[in-house]
Amino acid sequence: MARQTPISRYRNIGICAHVDAGKTTTTERVLFYTGISHKIGEVHDGAATMDWME
C-alpha cells in the first residue's frame, strides 16, 4: 500500500546536468542523508533507486 503523505509535505526538485556529471549519485546521497533510503545505491551496480522506473 502506498504511503499517504499530505500534499503540503511534498517537496519537488529538479537536478539537471550533462551526461556522467553525477546526477544519480547526488540524488542517491540526498535520499540517504535525509533518511528516505537506508542504503546508498551505486549506479555501476545497477542498485540506484533513481534509476528504477516503477
PDB file of N, CA and C in Angstrom:
ATOM      1  N   MET A   1       0.848  -1.187   0.000  1.00  0.00           N
ATOM      2  CA  MET A   1       0.000   0.000   0.000  1.00  0.00           C
ATOM      3  C   MET A   1       0.887   1.243   0.000  1.00  0.00           C
ATOM      4  N   ALA A   2       0.519   2.207  -0.765  1.00  0.00           N
ATOM      5  CA  ALA A   2       1.299   3.443  -0.878  1.00  0.00           C
ATOM      6  C   ALA A   2       1.212   4.262   0.412  1.00  0.00           C
ATOM      7  N   ARG A   3       2.290   4.947   0.694  1.00  0.00           N
ATOM      8  CA  ARG A   3       2.340   5.815   1.860  1.00  0.00           C
ATOM      9  C   ARG A   3       1.447   7.033   1.602  1.00  0.00           C
ATOM     10  N   GLN A   4       0.639   7.395   2.584  1.00  0.00           N
ATOM     11  CA  GLN A   4      -0.243   8.555   2.469  1.00  0.00           C
ATOM     12  C   GLN A   4       0.468   9.784   3.025  1.00  0.00           C
ATOM     13  N   THR A   5       0.832  10.709   2.154  1.00  0.00           N
ATOM     14  CA  THR A   5       1.530  11.926   2.548  1.00  0.00           C
ATOM     15  C   THR A   5       0.710  13.131   2.109  1.00  0.00           C
ATOM     16  N   PRO A   6       0.420  14.051   3.021  1.00  0.00           N
ATOM     17  CA  PRO A   6      -0.335  15.245   2.630  1.00  0.00           C
ATOM     18  C   PRO A   6       0.446  16.068   1.603  1.00  0.00           C
ATOM     19  N   ILE A   7      -0.268  16.664   0.678  1.00  0.00           N
ATOM     20  CA  ILE A   7       0.364  17.440  -0.399  1.00  0.00           C
ATOM     21  C   ILE A   7       1.219  18.577   0.160  1.00  0.00           C
ATOM     22  N   SER A   8       0.886  19.090   1.321  1.00  0.00           N
ATOM     23  CA  SER A   8       1.669  20.182   1.921  1.00  0.00           C
ATOM     24  C   SER A   8       3.070  19.727   2.343  1.00  0.00           C
ATOM     25  N   ARG A   9       3.287  18.410   2.436  1.00  0.00           N
ATOM     26  CA  ARG A   9       4.590  17.876   2.832  1.00  0.00           C
ATOM     27  C   ARG A   9       5.474  17.523   1.633  1.00  0.00           C
ATOM     28  N   TYR A  10       4.964  17.622   0.433  1.00  0.00           N
ATOM     29  CA  TYR A  10       5.744  17.300  -0.766  1.00  0.00           C
ATOM     30  C   TYR A  10       6.761  18.389  -1.065  1.00  0.00           C
ATOM     31  N   ARG A  11       7.933  17.988  -1.508  1.00  0.00           N
ATOM     32  CA  ARG A  11       8.973  18.911  -1.967  1.00  0.00           C
ATOM     33  C   ARG A  11       9.534  18.340  -3.260  1.00  0.00           C
ATOM     34  N   ASN A  12       9.318  19.027  -4.344  1.00  0.00           N
ATOM     35  CA  ASN A  12       9.818  18.582  -5.643  1.00  0.00           C
ATOM     36  C   ASN A  12      11.019  19.427  -6.044  1.00  0.00           C
ATOM     37  N   ILE A  13      12.058  18.754  -6.524  1.00  0.00           N
ATOM     38  CA  ILE A  13      13.235  19.458  -7.018  1.00  0.00           C
ATOM     39  C   ILE A  13      13.619  18.856  -8.360  1.00  0.00           C
ATOM     40  N   GLY A  14      14.414  19.570  -9.097  1.00  0.00           N
ATOM     41  CA  GLY A  14      14.942  19.058 -10.355  1.00  0.00           C
ATOM     42  C   GLY A  14      16.455  19.180 -10.361  1.00  0.00           C
ATOM     43  N   ILE A  15      17.113  18.159 -10.869  1.00  0.00           N
ATOM     44  CA  ILE A  15      18.574  18.177 -10.988  1.00  0.00           C
ATOM     45  C   ILE A  15      18.904  17.958 -12.455  1.00  0.00           C
ATOM     46  N   CYS A  16      19.507  18.961 -13.069  1.00  0.00           N
ATOM     47  CA  CYS A  16      19.866  18.894 -14.486  1.00  0.00           C
ATOM     48  C   CYS A  16      21.370  19.050 -14.634  1.00  0.00           C
ATOM     49  N   ALA A  17      21.952  18.229 -15.487  1.00  0.00           N
ATOM     50  CA  ALA A  17      23.391  18.316 -15.750  1.00  0.00           C
ATOM     51  C   ALA A  17      23.713  17.489 -16.984  1.00  0.00           C
ATOM     52  N   HIS A  18      24.924  17.613 -17.442  1.00  0.00           N
ATOM     53  CA  HIS A  18      25.387  16.838 -18.589  1.00  0.00           C
ATOM     54  C   HIS A  18      25.472  15.353 -18.239  1.00  0.00           C
ATOM     55  N   VAL A  19      25.602  14.535 -19.259  1.00  0.00           N
ATOM     56  CA  VAL A  19      25.777  13.098 -19.084  1.00  0.00           C
ATOM     57  C   VAL A  19      27.014  12.826 -18.226  1.00  0.00           C
ATOM     58  N   ASP A  20      26.905  11.867 -17.343  1.00  0.00           N
ATOM     59  CA  ASP A  20      28.009  11.448 -16.460  1.00  0.00           C
ATOM     60  C   ASP A  20      28.509  12.551 -15.528  1.00  0.00           C
ATOM     61  N   ALA A  21      27.625  13.472 -15.161  1.00  0.00           N
ATOM     62  CA  ALA A  21      28.018  14.553 -14.259  1.00  0.00           C
ATOM     63  C   ALA A  21      27.760  14.208 -12.789  1.00  0.00           C
ATOM     64  N   GLY A  22      27.051  13.102 -12.525  1.00  0.00           N
ATOM     65  CA  GLY A  22      26.808  12.690 -11.147  1.00  0.00           C
ATOM     66  C   GLY A  22      25.411  12.976 -10.630  1.00  0.00           C
ATOM     67  N   LYS A  23      24.429  13.111 -11.509  1.00  0.00           N
ATOM     68  CA  LYS A  23      23.057  13.396 -11.079  1.00  0.00           C
ATOM     69  C   LYS A  23      22.490  12.280 -10.206  1.00  0.00           C
ATOM     70  N   THR A  24      22.597  11.049 -10.666  1.00  0.00           N
ATOM     71  CA  THR A  24      22.063   9.922  -9.901  1.00  0.00           C
ATOM     72  C   THR A  24      22.834   9.739  -8.608  1.00  0.00           C
ATOM     73  N   THR A  25      24.132   9.877  -8.645  1.00  0.00           N
ATOM     74  CA  THR A  25      24.952   9.766  -7.437  1.00  0.00           C
ATOM     75  C   THR A  25      24.536  10.819  -6.418  1.00  0.00           C
ATOM     76  N   THR A  26      24.306  12.040  -6.877  1.00  0.00           N
ATOM     77  CA  THR A  26      23.876  13.122  -5.987  1.00  0.00           C
ATOM     78  C   THR A  26      22.521  12.817  -5.371  1.00  0.00           C
ATOM     79  N   THR A  27      21.559  12.372  -6.187  1.00  0.00           N
ATOM     80  CA  THR A  27      20.226  12.096  -5.655  1.00  0.00           C
ATOM     81  C   THR A  27      20.231  10.897  -4.709  1.00  0.00           C
ATOM     82  N   GLU A  28      21.074   9.912  -4.955  1.00  0.00           N
ATOM     83  CA  GLU A  28      21.191   8.780  -4.032  1.00  0.00           C
ATOM     84  C   GLU A  28      21.675   9.257  -2.670  1.00  0.00           C
ATOM     85  N   ARG A  29      22.629  10.168  -2.653  1.00  0.00           N
ATOM     86  CA  ARG A  29      23.134  10.708  -1.382  1.00  0.00           C
ATOM     87  C   ARG A  29      22.075  11.556  -0.687  1.00  0.00           C
ATOM     88  N   VAL A  30      21.313  12.337  -1.440  1.00  0.00           N
ATOM     89  CA  VAL A  30      20.232  13.141  -0.853  1.00  0.00           C
ATOM     90  C   VAL A  30      19.214  12.226  -0.180  1.00  0.00           C
ATOM     91  N   LEU A  31      18.797  11.163  -0.862  1.00  0.00           N
ATOM     92  CA  LEU A  31      17.839  10.222  -0.277  1.00  0.00           C
ATOM     93  C   LEU A  31      18.391   9.579   0.995  1.00  0.00           C
ATOM     94  N   PHE A  32      19.658   9.219   0.979  1.00  0.00           N
ATOM     95  CA  PHE A  32      20.278   8.574   2.140  1.00  0.00           C
ATOM     96  C   PHE A  32      20.397   9.535   3.324  1.00  0.00           C
ATOM     97  N   TYR A  33      20.951  10.718   3.091  1.00  0.00           N
ATOM     98  CA  TYR A  33      21.197  11.652   4.193  1.00  0.00           C
ATOM     99  C   TYR A  33      19.930  12.287   4.751  1.00  0.00           C
ATOM    100  N   THR A  34      18.817  12.235   4.007  1.00  0.00           N
ATOM    101  CA  THR A  34      17.548  12.737   4.530  1.00  0.00           C
ATOM    102  C   THR A  34      16.730  11.634   5.189  1.00  0.00           C
ATOM    103  N   GLY A  35      17.249  10.404   5.171  1.00  0.00           N
ATOM    104  CA  GLY A  35      16.572   9.301   5.844  1.00  0.00           C
ATOM    105  C   GLY A  35      15.499   8.612   5.019  1.00  0.00           C
ATOM    106  N   ILE A  36      15.348   8.964   3.759  1.00  0.00           N
ATOM    107  CA  ILE A  36      14.347   8.331   2.892  1.00  0.00           C
ATOM    108  C   ILE A  36      14.794   6.925   2.501  1.00  0.00           C
ATOM    109  N   SER A  37      16.070   6.754   2.267  1.00  0.00           N
ATOM    110  CA  SER A  37      16.647   5.469   1.882  1.00  0.00           C
ATOM    111  C   SER A  37      17.671   5.054   2.936  1.00  0.00           C
ATOM    112  N   HIS A  38      17.750   3.760   3.195  1.00  0.00           N
ATOM    113  CA  HIS A  38      18.687   3.272   4.212  1.00  0.00           C
ATOM    114  C   HIS A  38      19.964   2.701   3.605  1.00  0.00           C
ATOM    115  N   LYS A  39      20.080   2.785   2.276  1.00  0.00           N
ATOM    116  CA  LYS A  39      21.261   2.274   1.590  1.00  0.00           C
ATOM    117  C   LYS A  39      21.545   3.178   0.394  1.00  0.00           C
ATOM    118  N   ILE A  40      22.799   3.514   0.186  1.00  0.00           N
ATOM    119  CA  ILE A  40      23.179   4.306  -0.979  1.00  0.00           C
ATOM    120  C   ILE A  40      23.375   3.353  -2.150  1.00  0.00           C
ATOM    121  N   GLY A  41      22.502   3.463  -3.147  1.00  0.00           N
ATOM    122  CA  GLY A  41      22.619   2.619  -4.334  1.00  0.00           C
ATOM    123  C   GLY A  41      23.698   3.143  -5.263  1.00  0.00           C
ATOM    124  N   GLU A  42      24.467   2.234  -5.824  1.00  0.00           N
ATOM    125  CA  GLU A  42      25.541   2.611  -6.739  1.00  0.00           C
ATOM    126  C   GLU A  42      25.095   2.415  -8.184  1.00  0.00           C
ATOM    127  N   VAL A  43      25.386   3.381  -9.021  1.00  0.00           N
ATOM    128  CA  VAL A  43      24.992   3.344 -10.424  1.00  0.00           C
ATOM    129  C   VAL A  43      25.626   2.154 -11.135  1.00  0.00           C
ATOM    130  N   HIS A  44      26.912   1.943 -10.938  1.00  0.00           N
ATOM    131  CA  HIS A  44      27.609   0.871 -11.654  1.00  0.00           C
ATOM    132  C   HIS A  44      27.166  -0.524 -11.214  1.00  0.00           C
ATOM    133  N   ASP A  45      26.493  -0.636 -10.063  1.00  0.00           N
ATOM    134  CA  ASP A  45      25.963  -1.920  -9.612  1.00  0.00           C
ATOM    135  C   ASP A  45      24.526  -2.138 -10.076  1.00  0.00           C
ATOM    136  N   GLY A  46      23.905  -1.093 -10.634  1.00  0.00           N
ATOM    137  CA  GLY A  46      22.501  -1.184 -11.030  1.00  0.00           C
ATOM    138  C   GLY A  46      21.557  -1.141  -9.842  1.00  0.00           C
ATOM    139  N   ALA A  47      22.018  -0.643  -8.711  1.00  0.00           N
ATOM    140  CA  ALA A  47      21.231  -0.636  -7.479  1.00  0.00           C
ATOM    141  C   ALA A  47      20.747   0.755  -7.085  1.00  0.00           C
ATOM    142  N   ALA A  48      20.834   1.714  -7.979  1.00  0.00           N
ATOM    143  CA  ALA A  48      20.426   3.084  -7.661  1.00  0.00           C
ATOM    144  C   ALA A  48      18.907   3.211  -7.673  1.00  0.00           C
ATOM    145  N   THR A  49      18.353   3.783  -6.616  1.00  0.00           N
ATOM    146  CA  THR A  49      16.911   3.992  -6.510  1.00  0.00           C
ATOM    147  C   THR A  49      16.396   4.859  -7.653  1.00  0.00           C
ATOM    148  N   MET A  50      17.117   5.891  -8.002  1.00  0.00           N
ATOM    149  CA  MET A  50      16.656   6.835  -9.020  1.00  0.00           C
ATOM    150  C   MET A  50      16.749   6.290 -10.442  1.00  0.00           C
ATOM    151  N   ASP A  51      17.350   5.139 -10.641  1.00  0.00           N
ATOM    152  CA  ASP A  51      17.385   4.508 -11.958  1.00  0.00           C
ATOM    153  C   ASP A  51      16.281   3.468 -12.122  1.00  0.00           C
ATOM    154  N   TRP A  52      15.403   3.357 -11.142  1.00  0.00           N
ATOM    155  CA  TRP A  52      14.321   2.385 -11.158  1.00  0.00           C
ATOM    156  C   TRP A  52      13.065   3.049 -11.693  1.00  0.00           C
ATOM    157  N   MET A  53      12.367   2.408 -12.621  1.00  0.00           N
ATOM    158  CA  MET A  53      11.247   3.046 -13.320  1.00  0.00           C
ATOM    159  C   MET A  53       9.862   2.688 -12.785  1.00  0.00           C
ATOM    160  N   GLU A  54       9.741   2.104 -11.599  1.00  0.00           N
ATOM    161  CA  GLU A  54       8.406   1.775 -11.083  1.00  0.00           C
ATOM    162  C   GLU A  54       8.025   2.654  -9.939  1.00  0.00           C
TER     163      GLU A  54
END
